[in-house]
Amino acid sequence: MRPLRVVLTGATGFVGGAVLDRLLRDRADGRDLEVRALVRRVPAEGREQPGVQWRRADLADPGSFEGAASGADVLVHLAARVDGTEQECERTNIGGTRAVVEEARRAGVRRIVHLSTAAVYGPGPHRGIPVDGVMPAPVSAASRTRLAAERIAREAGAVVLRPGLVLGAGDRWVVPGLRELLRRVPARWDGGRGQLSLVAVEDLARLVTTLATAPDAVPSGTFHAGHPVPVRSGDLLARLAELDVLPPVTGELTWEQCLERLREAPGRISERQFALLALDHWYESEEIWRLAGCAPGPGPLERLAGAAPWYRAHLAAA
């Protein structure tokens, strides 16, 4: 018997870092596994980390993956470009995914877990849809190319995950975006009724790790990876205010009034992104947790207490 060898891309990113932590926790608990972390820059503090072999590889440089999966059993592909030009996103998300998946297939890797995003569906609103319950209609270069990357991964037999909004320590988009929007539109948006597919990063990491290391593999396919119970935007804002992460919200505005106020106060968050955070965007997500035999946990609102100190520090510094 030899250790289970996991190749992990994106190990220094938001989700990838949580997955690496989870894998190393499982190893510390007696699970016989080793991780080969493929990153653009090897962190100085990780060079001597037990259980991890760090290797430089860049999705924008397909040749850097040559031999990267040699002797491995599982590929967990989490790295992606989430902004940039069409050309940059194509080179990284499509070309890079093709390179790492082809390397895994050459090496005889038998299991692939690939992280995508529910943003491939486009602007919505979406209300409890199953996988591909509406035709994907991505509106950004990042989302378009991540949808194309899904096809490459599925053709190789991957389990493809589409989470919605991911919360937790390391989140530099969702909660910071909510703070900006509350400054520009200080009210409960559309009465706070919008239902969102959320997942805590630690729960998503547990799901990814289970899919990668469980004795029985989940069949290839595409799955939503939010917590099965959607969260209303008003409840999310109230919980963040209760934890002193965001200011309390009073008053309500209709969606038309929200857009008027947003246009009067220019900022980084677009109307499309505002809708993503405020209106219905939730997706049926029970199946993958059931197939993986992985409990989804208490829910993202409960998990926020653990992330609140990080959010307070990050927002204060920003």
C-alpha atoms as a PDB file:
ATOM      1  CA  MET A   1       0.000   0.000   0.000  1.00  0.00           C
ATOM      2  CA  ARG A   2       1.182   3.528  -0.772  1.00  0.00           C
ATOM      3  CA  PRO A   3      -0.295   6.934   0.065  1.00  0.00           C
ATOM      4  CA  LEU A   4      -3.119   8.394  -1.998  1.00  0.00           C
ATOM      5  CA  ARG A   5      -1.448  11.052  -4.117  1.00  0.00           C
ATOM      6  CA  VAL A   6      -3.474  14.186  -4.843  1.00  0.00           C
ATOM      7  CA  VAL A   7      -2.433  16.837  -7.355  1.00  0.00           C
ATOM      8  CA  LEU A   8      -3.959  20.179  -6.365  1.00  0.00           C
ATOM      9  CA  THR A   9      -4.006  23.339  -8.477  1.00  0.00           C
ATOM     10  CA  GLY A  10      -4.769  26.713  -6.919  1.00  0.00           C
ATOM     11  CA  ALA A  11      -3.449  25.666  -3.508  1.00  0.00           C
ATOM     12  CA  THR A  12      -2.686  29.258  -2.469  1.00  0.00           C
ATOM     13  CA  GLY A  13      -6.101  30.614  -3.521  1.00  0.00           C
ATOM     14  CA  PHE A  14      -9.279  31.190  -1.513  1.00  0.00           C
ATOM     15  CA  VAL A  15     -10.904  27.784  -2.087  1.00  0.00           C
ATOM     16  CA  GLY A  16      -7.653  25.966  -2.834  1.00  0.00           C
ATOM     17  CA  GLY A  17      -6.091  27.038   0.445  1.00  0.00           C
ATOM     18  CA  ALA A  18      -9.101  25.716   2.349  1.00  0.00           C
ATOM     19  CA  VAL A  19      -8.921  22.421   0.446  1.00  0.00           C
ATOM     20  CA  LEU A  20      -5.199  22.096   1.167  1.00  0.00           C
ATOM     21  CA  ASP A  21      -5.848  22.737   4.867  1.00  0.00           C
ATOM     22  CA  ARG A  22      -8.567  20.075   4.857  1.00  0.00           C
ATOM     23  CA  LEU A  23      -6.365  17.510   3.128  1.00  0.00           C
ATOM     24  CA  LEU A  24      -3.538  18.133   5.600  1.00  0.00           C
ATOM     25  CA  ARG A  25      -5.983  17.882   8.506  1.00  0.00           C
ATOM     26  CA  ASP A  26      -7.143  14.510   7.186  1.00  0.00           C
ATOM     27  CA  ARG A  27      -3.493  13.462   6.892  1.00  0.00           C
ATOM     28  CA  ALA A  28      -2.824  14.536  10.468  1.00  0.00           C
ATOM     29  CA  ASP A  29      -5.828  12.456  11.539  1.00  0.00           C
ATOM     30  CA  GLY A  30      -4.193   9.372  10.066  1.00  0.00           C
ATOM     31  CA  ARG A  31      -5.288   9.428   6.433  1.00  0.00           C
ATOM     32  CA  ASP A  32      -2.436   8.126   4.272  1.00  0.00           C
ATOM     33  CA  LEU A  33      -2.187  10.785   1.575  1.00  0.00           C
ATOM     34  CA  GLU A  34       0.268  13.159  -0.029  1.00  0.00           C
ATOM     35  CA  VAL A  35      -0.413  16.432  -1.848  1.00  0.00           C
ATOM     36  CA  ARG A  36       1.449  17.834  -4.825  1.00  0.00           C
ATOM     37  CA  ALA A  37       0.524  21.530  -4.896  1.00  0.00           C
ATOM     38  CA  LEU A  38       0.874  23.200  -8.300  1.00  0.00           C
ATOM     39  CA  VAL A  39       1.161  26.982  -7.943  1.00  0.00           C
ATOM     40  CA  ARG A  40       2.544  29.945  -9.863  1.00  0.00           C
ATOM     41  CA  ARG A  41       4.722  30.955  -6.909  1.00  0.00           C
ATOM     42  CA  VAL A  42       5.793  28.563  -4.175  1.00  0.00           C
ATOM     43  CA  PRO A  43       5.173  30.230  -0.797  1.00  0.00           C
ATOM     44  CA  ALA A  44       8.307  30.514   1.318  1.00  0.00           C
ATOM     45  CA  GLU A  45       6.471  29.277   4.408  1.00  0.00           C
ATOM     46  CA  GLY A  46       5.315  26.122   2.602  1.00  0.00           C
ATOM     47  CA  ARG A  47       8.634  24.802   1.353  1.00  0.00           C
ATOM     48  CA  GLU A  48       9.152  22.463   4.311  1.00  0.00           C
ATOM     49  CA  GLN A  49       5.468  21.718   4.978  1.00  0.00           C
ATOM     50  CA  PRO A  50       5.057  18.002   5.827  1.00  0.00           C
ATOM     51  CA  GLY A  51       2.809  16.123   3.427  1.00  0.00           C
ATOM     52  CA  VAL A  52       3.048  18.723   0.646  1.00  0.00           C
ATOM     53  CA  GLN A  53       5.324  18.773  -2.362  1.00  0.00           C
ATOM     54  CA  TRP A  54       5.230  22.251  -3.883  1.00  0.00           C
ATOM     55  CA  ARG A  55       5.843  22.625  -7.603  1.00  0.00           C
ATOM     56  CA  ARG A  56       5.725  25.664  -9.836  1.00  0.00           C
ATOM     57  CA  ALA A  57       3.205  25.430 -12.678  1.00  0.00           C
ATOM     58  CA  ASP A  58       1.290  28.207 -14.436  1.00  0.00           C
ATOM     59  CA  LEU A  59      -2.006  27.712 -16.288  1.00  0.00           C
ATOM     60  CA  ALA A  60      -0.836  30.354 -18.765  1.00  0.00           C
ATOM     61  CA  ASP A  61       2.230  28.202 -19.530  1.00  0.00           C
ATOM     62  CA  PRO A  62       1.000  24.728 -20.619  1.00  0.00           C
ATOM     63  CA  GLY A  63       4.533  23.335 -20.795  1.00  0.00           C
ATOM     64  CA  SER A  64       4.971  23.875 -17.068  1.00  0.00           C
ATOM     65  CA  PHE A  65       2.628  20.945 -16.357  1.00  0.00           C
ATOM     66  CA  GLU A  66       4.805  18.334 -18.034  1.00  0.00           C
ATOM     67  CA  GLY A  67       5.285  15.486 -15.563  1.00  0.00           C
ATOM     68  CA  ALA A  68       3.280  17.280 -12.863  1.00  0.00           C
ATOM     69  CA  ALA A  69       0.836  14.390 -12.374  1.00  0.00           C
ATOM     70  CA  SER A  70       3.333  11.553 -12.559  1.00  0.00           C
ATOM     71  CA  GLY A  71       2.423   8.846 -10.051  1.00  0.00           C
ATOM     72  CA  ALA A  72      -0.728  10.672  -8.898  1.00  0.00           C
ATOM     73  CA  ASP A  73      -4.163   9.176  -8.232  1.00  0.00           C
ATOM     74  CA  VAL A  74      -6.385  12.277  -8.141  1.00  0.00           C
ATOM     75  CA  LEU A  75      -6.408  15.697  -9.779  1.00  0.00           C
ATOM     76  CA  VAL A  76      -8.230  18.497  -7.953  1.00  0.00           C
ATOM     77  CA  HIS A  77      -8.300  21.419 -10.362  1.00  0.00           C
ATOM     78  CA  LEU A  78      -9.325  24.602  -8.543  1.00  0.00           C
ATOM     79  CA  ALA A  79      -7.164  27.260 -10.184  1.00  0.00           C
ATOM     80  CA  ALA A  80      -8.845  29.673 -12.612  1.00  0.00           C
ATOM     81  CA  ARG A  81      -8.665  33.238 -13.817  1.00  0.00           C
ATOM     82  CA  VAL A  82     -11.700  35.166 -12.519  1.00  0.00           C
ATOM     83  CA  ASP A  83     -11.077  38.418 -14.395  1.00  0.00           C
ATOM     84  CA  GLY A  84      -9.051  39.736 -17.316  1.00  0.00           C
ATOM     85  CA  THR A  85      -9.379  40.060 -21.062  1.00  0.00           C
ATOM     86  CA  GLU A  86     -10.893  37.428 -23.316  1.00  0.00           C
ATOM     87  CA  GLN A  87      -7.421  36.392 -24.472  1.00  0.00           C
ATOM     88  CA  GLU A  88      -6.044  36.143 -20.930  1.00  0.00           C
ATOM     89  CA  CYS A  89      -9.006  34.092 -19.759  1.00  0.00           C
ATOM     90  CA  GLU A  90      -8.870  31.795 -22.779  1.00  0.00           C
ATOM     91  CA  ARG A  91      -5.160  31.165 -22.278  1.00  0.00           C
ATOM     92  CA  THR A  92      -5.554  30.386 -18.582  1.00  0.00           C
ATOM     93  CA  ASN A  93      -8.985  28.820 -18.164  1.00  0.00           C
ATOM     94  CA  ILE A  94      -9.214  26.911 -21.439  1.00  0.00           C
ATOM     95  CA  GLY A  95      -5.591  26.343 -22.422  1.00  0.00           C
ATOM     96  CA  GLY A  96      -4.456  25.777 -18.851  1.00  0.00           C
ATOM     97  CA  THR A  97      -7.285  23.379 -18.037  1.00  0.00           C
ATOM     98  CA  ARG A  98      -6.586  21.421 -21.213  1.00  0.00           C
ATOM     99  CA  ALA A  99      -2.904  21.180 -20.311  1.00  0.00           C
ATOM    100  CA  VAL A 100      -3.394  19.979 -16.746  1.00  0.00           C
ATOM    101  CA  VAL A 101      -6.173  17.539 -17.693  1.00  0.00           C
ATOM    102  CA  GLU A 102      -4.141  16.069 -20.552  1.00  0.00           C
ATOM    103  CA  GLU A 103      -1.181  15.661 -18.219  1.00  0.00           C
ATOM    104  CA  ALA A 104      -3.419  13.875 -15.709  1.00  0.00           C
ATOM    105  CA  ARG A 105      -4.731  11.528 -18.381  1.00  0.00           C
ATOM    106  CA  ARG A 106      -1.204  10.735 -19.600  1.00  0.00           C
ATOM    107  CA  ALA A 107      -0.236   9.906 -16.039  1.00  0.00           C
ATOM    108  CA  GLY A 108      -3.208   7.557 -15.587  1.00  0.00           C
ATOM    109  CA  VAL A 109      -4.951   9.675 -12.951  1.00  0.00           C
ATOM    110  CA  ARG A 110      -8.249   7.937 -12.286  1.00  0.00           C
ATOM    111  CA  ARG A 111     -10.248  10.716 -10.617  1.00  0.00           C
ATOM    112  CA  ILE A 112     -10.669  14.432 -11.391  1.00  0.00           C
ATOM    113  CA  VAL A 113     -12.558  17.084  -9.424  1.00  0.00           C
ATOM    114  CA  HIS A 114     -12.949  20.401 -11.247  1.00  0.00           C
ATOM    115  CA  LEU A 115     -14.219  23.674  -9.766  1.00  0.00           C
ATOM    116  CA  SER A 116     -16.363  25.941 -11.929  1.00  0.00           C
ATOM    117  CA  THR A 117     -18.992  28.529 -10.952  1.00  0.00           C
ATOM    118  CA  ALA A 118     -22.750  29.104 -11.109  1.00  0.00           C
ATOM    119  CA  ALA A 119     -21.914  32.400 -12.846  1.00  0.00           C
ATOM    120  CA  VAL A 120     -21.910  30.405 -16.100  1.00  0.00           C
ATOM    121  CA  TYR A 121     -25.720  30.785 -16.082  1.00  0.00           C
ATOM    122  CA  GLY A 122     -25.583  34.520 -16.583  1.00  0.00           C
ATOM    123  CA  PRO A 123     -27.597  37.317 -15.007  1.00  0.00           C
ATOM    124  CA  GLY A 124     -30.786  35.512 -13.882  1.00  0.00           C
ATOM    125  CA  PRO A 125     -32.847  35.730 -11.793  1.00  0.00           C
ATOM    126  CA  HIS A 126     -32.727  31.967 -11.133  1.00  0.00           C
ATOM    127  CA  ARG A 127     -35.072  30.264  -8.716  1.00  0.00           C
ATOM    128  CA  GLY A 128     -34.274  26.736  -7.628  1.00  0.00           C
ATOM    129  CA  ILE A 129     -33.117  25.450 -10.991  1.00  0.00           C
ATOM    130  CA  PRO A 130     -31.516  22.022 -11.497  1.00  0.00           C
ATOM    131  CA  VAL A 131     -28.208  21.675 -13.325  1.00  0.00           C
ATOM    132  CA  ASP A 132     -28.645  23.312 -16.733  1.00  0.00           C
ATOM    133  CA  GLY A 133     -32.291  24.018 -15.863  1.00  0.00           C
ATOM    134  CA  VAL A 134     -31.724  27.170 -17.877  1.00  0.00           C
ATOM    135  CA  MET A 135     -29.318  27.493 -20.777  1.00  0.00           C
ATOM    136  CA  PRO A 136     -25.945  28.771 -19.563  1.00  0.00           C
ATOM    137  CA  ALA A 137     -25.471  32.333 -20.787  1.00  0.00           C
ATOM    138  CA  PRO A 138     -22.227  33.683 -19.286  1.00  0.00           C
ATOM    139  CA  VAL A 139     -21.685  37.402 -19.729  1.00  0.00           C
ATOM    140  CA  SER A 140     -18.005  37.817 -18.790  1.00  0.00           C
ATOM    141  CA  ALA A 141     -14.834  36.501 -20.368  1.00  0.00           C
ATOM    142  CA  ALA A 142     -14.016  34.630 -17.161  1.00  0.00           C
ATOM    143  CA  SER A 143     -17.384  32.881 -17.010  1.00  0.00           C
ATOM    144  CA  ARG A 144     -17.425  32.067 -20.721  1.00  0.00           C
ATOM    145  CA  THR A 145     -14.025  30.454 -20.562  1.00  0.00           C
ATOM    146  CA  ARG A 146     -14.794  28.614 -17.337  1.00  0.00           C
ATOM    147  CA  LEU A 147     -17.848  27.112 -19.032  1.00  0.00           C
ATOM    148  CA  ALA A 148     -15.610  25.953 -21.884  1.00  0.00           C
ATOM    149  CA  ALA A 149     -13.166  24.515 -19.317  1.00  0.00           C
ATOM    150  CA  GLU A 150     -15.999  22.469 -17.817  1.00  0.00           C
ATOM    151  CA  ARG A 151     -16.411  20.619 -21.115  1.00  0.00           C
ATOM    152  CA  ILE A 152     -12.713  19.735 -21.196  1.00  0.00           C
ATOM    153  CA  ALA A 153     -12.902  18.381 -17.652  1.00  0.00           C
ATOM    154  CA  ARG A 154     -16.106  16.405 -18.233  1.00  0.00           C
ATOM    155  CA  GLU A 155     -14.663  14.774 -21.349  1.00  0.00           C
ATOM    156  CA  ALA A 156     -11.893  13.476 -19.085  1.00  0.00           C
ATOM    157  CA  GLY A 157     -14.450  12.036 -16.644  1.00  0.00           C
ATOM    158  CA  ALA A 158     -14.389  14.804 -14.040  1.00  0.00           C
ATOM    159  CA  VAL A 159     -16.878  15.719 -11.363  1.00  0.00           C
ATOM    160  CA  VAL A 160     -17.553  19.411 -12.088  1.00  0.00           C
ATOM    161  CA  LEU A 161     -18.790  21.653  -9.272  1.00  0.00           C
ATOM    162  CA  ARG A 162     -20.700  24.905  -9.723  1.00  0.00           C
ATOM    163  CA  PRO A 163     -20.893  26.753  -6.396  1.00  0.00           C
ATOM    164  CA  GLY A 164     -22.751  30.012  -6.080  1.00  0.00           C
ATOM    165  CA  LEU A 165     -21.365  32.613  -3.671  1.00  0.00           C
ATOM    166  CA  VAL A 166     -18.570  31.371  -1.405  1.00  0.00           C
ATOM    167  CA  LEU A 167     -18.137  32.946   2.038  1.00  0.00           C
ATOM    168  CA  GLY A 168     -15.411  32.716   4.655  1.00  0.00           C
ATOM    169  CA  ALA A 169     -11.907  33.830   5.586  1.00  0.00           C
ATOM    170  CA  GLY A 170     -10.184  34.832   2.356  1.00  0.00           C
ATOM    171  CA  ASP A 171     -13.340  36.075   0.594  1.00  0.00           C
ATOM    172  CA  ARG A 172     -12.316  39.279  -1.134  1.00  0.00           C
ATOM    173  CA  TRP A 173     -15.378  39.654  -3.339  1.00  0.00           C
ATOM    174  CA  VAL A 174     -18.740  38.806  -1.749  1.00  0.00           C
ATOM    175  CA  VAL A 175     -18.700  40.568   1.617  1.00  0.00           C
ATOM    176  CA  PRO A 176     -16.468  43.440   0.430  1.00  0.00           C
ATOM    177  CA  GLY A 177     -18.941  43.863  -2.438  1.00  0.00           C
ATOM    178  CA  LEU A 178     -21.851  43.937  -0.006  1.00  0.00           C
ATOM    179  CA  ARG A 179     -20.112  46.666   1.984  1.00  0.00           C
ATOM    180  CA  GLU A 180     -19.649  48.820  -1.109  1.00  0.00           C
ATOM    181  CA  LEU A 181     -23.260  48.303  -2.136  1.00  0.00           C
ATOM    182  CA  LEU A 182     -24.560  49.275   1.302  1.00  0.00           C
ATOM    183  CA  ARG A 183     -22.623  52.529   1.080  1.00  0.00           C
ATOM    184  CA  ARG A 184     -24.134  53.262  -2.323  1.00  0.00           C
ATOM    185  CA  VAL A 185     -27.621  51.868  -1.627  1.00  0.00           C
ATOM    186  CA  PRO A 186     -28.169  51.822   2.180  1.00  0.00           C
ATOM    187  CA  ALA A 187     -31.376  49.785   2.423  1.00  0.00           C
ATOM    188  CA  ARG A 188     -32.756  46.255   2.217  1.00  0.00           C
ATOM    189  CA  TRP A 189     -32.623  45.699  -1.507  1.00  0.00           C
ATOM    190  CA  ASP A 190     -35.976  44.687  -2.947  1.00  0.00           C
ATOM    191  CA  GLY A 191     -37.091  44.118   0.627  1.00  0.00           C
ATOM    192  CA  GLY A 192     -34.283  41.638   1.287  1.00  0.00           C
ATOM    193  CA  ARG A 193     -36.314  38.877  -0.379  1.00  0.00           C
ATOM    194  CA  GLY A 194     -33.727  37.668  -2.901  1.00  0.00           C
ATOM    195  CA  GLN A 195     -32.703  34.056  -2.268  1.00  0.00           C
ATOM    196  CA  LEU A 196     -29.059  33.152  -2.814  1.00  0.00           C
ATOM    197  CA  SER A 197     -27.079  29.944  -3.129  1.00  0.00           C
ATOM    198  CA  LEU A 198     -24.276  30.355  -0.602  1.00  0.00           C
ATOM    199  CA  VAL A 199     -21.672  27.983   0.766  1.00  0.00           C
ATOM    200  CA  ALA A 200     -19.053  28.404   3.475  1.00  0.00           C
ATOM    201  CA  VAL A 201     -15.562  27.841   2.123  1.00  0.00           C
ATOM    202  CA  GLU A 202     -14.819  25.231   4.795  1.00  0.00           C
ATOM    203  CA  ASP A 203     -17.891  23.216   3.776  1.00  0.00           C
ATOM    204  CA  LEU A 204     -17.022  23.470   0.095  1.00  0.00           C
ATOM    205  CA  ALA A 205     -13.515  22.289   1.004  1.00  0.00           C
ATOM    206  CA  ARG A 206     -14.962  19.294   2.866  1.00  0.00           C
ATOM    207  CA  LEU A 207     -17.031  18.407  -0.196  1.00  0.00           C
ATOM    208  CA  VAL A 208     -14.093  18.708  -2.581  1.00  0.00           C
ATOM    209  CA  THR A 209     -11.857  16.659  -0.292  1.00  0.00           C
ATOM    210  CA  THR A 210     -14.494  13.951   0.103  1.00  0.00           C
ATOM    211  CA  LEU A 211     -14.973  13.726  -3.655  1.00  0.00           C
ATOM    212  CA  ALA A 212     -11.211  13.477  -4.112  1.00  0.00           C
ATOM    213  CA  THR A 213     -10.396  10.904  -1.449  1.00  0.00           C
ATOM    214  CA  ALA A 214     -13.492   8.783  -0.703  1.00  0.00           C
ATOM    215  CA  PRO A 215     -13.114   5.078  -1.539  1.00  0.00           C
ATOM    216  CA  ASP A 216     -16.047   5.163  -3.951  1.00  0.00           C
ATOM    217  CA  ALA A 217     -15.961   7.754  -6.723  1.00  0.00           C
ATOM    218  CA  VAL A 218     -18.997   9.847  -7.626  1.00  0.00           C
ATOM    219  CA  PRO A 219     -19.908   9.393 -11.326  1.00  0.00           C
ATOM    220  CA  SER A 220     -18.710  12.065 -13.714  1.00  0.00           C
ATOM    221  CA  GLY A 221     -21.103  14.967 -14.192  1.00  0.00           C
ATOM    222  CA  THR A 222     -21.884  18.566 -13.346  1.00  0.00           C
ATOM    223  CA  PHE A 223     -23.345  19.470  -9.970  1.00  0.00           C
ATOM    224  CA  HIS A 224     -24.370  22.595  -8.089  1.00  0.00           C
ATOM    225  CA  ALA A 225     -22.278  22.955  -4.936  1.00  0.00           C
ATOM    226  CA  GLY A 226     -24.056  25.497  -2.775  1.00  0.00           C
ATOM    227  CA  HIS A 227     -25.562  24.704   0.596  1.00  0.00           C
ATOM    228  CA  PRO A 228     -28.915  23.020  -0.148  1.00  0.00           C
ATOM    229  CA  VAL A 229     -30.885  25.710   1.735  1.00  0.00           C
ATOM    230  CA  PRO A 230     -30.842  29.158   0.077  1.00  0.00           C
ATOM    231  CA  VAL A 231     -30.373  32.304   2.160  1.00  0.00           C
ATOM    232  CA  ARG A 232     -32.311  35.544   1.763  1.00  0.00           C
ATOM    233  CA  SER A 233     -30.172  38.589   1.082  1.00  0.00           C
ATOM    234  CA  GLY A 234     -31.805  40.413   3.985  1.00  0.00           C
ATOM    235  CA  ASP A 235     -30.908  37.597   6.377  1.00  0.00           C
ATOM    236  CA  LEU A 236     -27.313  37.624   5.144  1.00  0.00           C
ATOM    237  CA  LEU A 237     -27.007  41.373   5.736  1.00  0.00           C
ATOM    238  CA  ALA A 238     -28.635  41.053   9.168  1.00  0.00           C
ATOM    239  CA  ARG A 239     -26.217  38.304  10.209  1.00  0.00           C
ATOM    240  CA  LEU A 240     -23.188  40.301   9.068  1.00  0.00           C
ATOM    241  CA  ALA A 241     -24.467  43.317  11.001  1.00  0.00           C
ATOM    242  CA  GLU A 242     -25.013  41.161  14.097  1.00  0.00           C
ATOM    243  CA  LEU A 243     -21.356  40.081  13.848  1.00  0.00           C
ATOM    244  CA  ASP A 244     -20.208  43.716  13.446  1.00  0.00           C
ATOM    245  CA  VAL A 245     -18.861  43.007   9.975  1.00  0.00           C
ATOM    246  CA  LEU A 246     -21.288  45.354   8.164  1.00  0.00           C
ATOM    247  CA  PRO A 247     -23.410  48.228   9.470  1.00  0.00           C
ATOM    248  CA  PRO A 248     -27.063  47.585  10.359  1.00  0.00           C
ATOM    249  CA  VAL A 249     -29.553  48.126   7.545  1.00  0.00           C
ATOM    250  CA  THR A 250     -32.803  50.040   7.988  1.00  0.00           C
ATOM    251  CA  GLY A 251     -35.498  50.743   5.440  1.00  0.00           C
ATOM    252  CA  GLU A 252     -36.381  49.084   2.156  1.00  0.00           C
ATOM    253  CA  LEU A 253     -36.249  50.066  -1.488  1.00  0.00           C
ATOM    254  CA  THR A 254     -37.832  48.534  -4.556  1.00  0.00           C
ATOM    255  CA  TRP A 255     -35.439  47.132  -7.112  1.00  0.00           C
ATOM    256  CA  GLU A 256     -36.064  50.080  -9.434  1.00  0.00           C
ATOM    257  CA  GLN A 257     -35.236  52.484  -6.592  1.00  0.00           C
ATOM    258  CA  CYS A 258     -32.101  50.463  -5.807  1.00  0.00           C
ATOM    259  CA  LEU A 259     -30.850  50.813  -9.372  1.00  0.00           C
ATOM    260  CA  GLU A 260     -31.538  54.553  -9.352  1.00  0.00           C
ATOM    261  CA  ARG A 261     -29.517  54.981  -6.170  1.00  0.00           C
ATOM    262  CA  LEU A 262     -26.709  52.794  -7.522  1.00  0.00           C
ATOM    263  CA  ARG A 263     -26.423  54.925 -10.675  1.00  0.00           C
ATOM    264  CA  GLU A 264     -26.271  58.088  -8.584  1.00  0.00           C
ATOM    265  CA  ALA A 265     -23.268  56.756  -6.624  1.00  0.00           C
ATOM    266  CA  PRO A 266     -20.718  55.245  -9.033  1.00  0.00           C
ATOM    267  CA  GLY A 267     -18.410  52.540  -7.775  1.00  0.00           C
ATOM    268  CA  ARG A 268     -16.677  49.263  -8.567  1.00  0.00           C
ATOM    269  CA  ILE A 269     -19.719  46.947  -8.416  1.00  0.00           C
ATOM    270  CA  SER A 270     -21.793  46.887 -11.609  1.00  0.00           C
ATOM    271  CA  GLU A 271     -25.580  46.588 -11.891  1.00  0.00           C
ATOM    272  CA  ARG A 272     -25.164  42.982 -13.022  1.00  0.00           C
ATOM    273  CA  GLN A 273     -23.045  42.171  -9.967  1.00  0.00           C
ATOM    274  CA  PHE A 274     -25.528  43.999  -7.749  1.00  0.00           C
ATOM    275  CA  ALA A 275     -28.301  41.747  -9.067  1.00  0.00           C
ATOM    276  CA  LEU A 276     -26.158  38.675  -8.384  1.00  0.00           C
ATOM    277  CA  LEU A 277     -25.902  39.694  -4.718  1.00  0.00           C
ATOM    278  CA  ALA A 278     -29.431  40.991  -4.233  1.00  0.00           C
ATOM    279  CA  LEU A 279     -31.933  39.077  -6.391  1.00  0.00           C
ATOM    280  CA  ASP A 280     -32.837  35.401  -6.662  1.00  0.00           C
ATOM    281  CA  HIS A 281     -29.839  33.288  -7.662  1.00  0.00           C
ATOM    282  CA  TRP A 282     -30.295  29.867  -6.145  1.00  0.00           C
ATOM    283  CA  TYR A 283     -29.716  26.425  -7.529  1.00  0.00           C
ATOM    284  CA  GLU A 284     -30.797  22.943  -6.474  1.00  0.00           C
ATOM    285  CA  SER A 285     -27.739  21.574  -4.683  1.00  0.00           C
ATOM    286  CA  GLU A 286     -28.830  18.526  -2.687  1.00  0.00           C
ATOM    287  CA  GLU A 287     -27.604  15.873  -5.117  1.00  0.00           C
ATOM    288  CA  ILE A 288     -23.845  16.213  -4.818  1.00  0.00           C
ATOM    289  CA  TRP A 289     -23.864  16.209  -1.005  1.00  0.00           C
ATOM    290  CA  ARG A 290     -25.986  13.053  -1.053  1.00  0.00           C
ATOM    291  CA  LEU A 291     -23.859  11.277  -3.667  1.00  0.00           C
ATOM    292  CA  ALA A 292     -20.660  12.173  -1.839  1.00  0.00           C
ATOM    293  CA  GLY A 293     -22.059  11.115   1.535  1.00  0.00           C
ATOM    294  CA  CYS A 294     -20.928  14.490   2.860  1.00  0.00           C
ATOM    295  CA  ALA A 295     -23.146  16.440   5.270  1.00  0.00           C
ATOM    296  CA  PRO A 296     -23.563  20.034   4.056  1.00  0.00           C
ATOM    297  CA  GLY A 297     -23.099  21.459   7.537  1.00  0.00           C
ATOM    298  CA  PRO A 298     -25.149  23.971   9.533  1.00  0.00           C
ATOM    299  CA  GLY A 299     -25.238  26.538   6.750  1.00  0.00           C
ATOM    300  CA  PRO A 300     -23.303  29.637   5.723  1.00  0.00           C
ATOM    301  CA  LEU A 301     -24.995  31.992   8.209  1.00  0.00           C
ATOM    302  CA  GLU A 302     -23.874  29.792  11.105  1.00  0.00           C
ATOM    303  CA  ARG A 303     -20.354  29.551   9.710  1.00  0.00           C
ATOM    304  CA  LEU A 304     -19.969  33.327   9.473  1.00  0.00           C
ATOM    305  CA  ALA A 305     -19.172  33.657  13.177  1.00  0.00           C
ATOM    306  CA  GLY A 306     -15.864  31.883  12.628  1.00  0.00           C
ATOM    307  CA  ALA A 307     -14.976  34.112   9.667  1.00  0.00           C
ATOM    308  CA  ALA A 308     -16.102  37.397  11.250  1.00  0.00           C
ATOM    309  CA  PRO A 309     -12.702  38.352  12.773  1.00  0.00           C
ATOM    310  CA  TRP A 310     -11.010  37.902   9.389  1.00  0.00           C
ATOM    311  CA  TYR A 311     -13.688  39.960   7.643  1.00  0.00           C
ATOM    312  CA  ARG A 312     -13.446  42.771  10.212  1.00  0.00           C
ATOM    313  CA  ALA A 313      -9.663  42.939   9.832  1.00  0.00           C
ATOM    314  CA  HIS A 314      -9.767  42.756   6.052  1.00  0.00           C
ATOM    315  CA  LEU A 315     -12.437  45.443   5.683  1.00  0.00           C
ATOM    316  CA  ALA A 316     -10.663  47.716   8.155  1.00  0.00           C
ATOM    317  CA  ALA A 317      -7.421  47.406   6.198  1.00  0.00           C
ATOM    318  CA  ALA A 318      -9.192  47.977   2.887  1.00  0.00           C
END
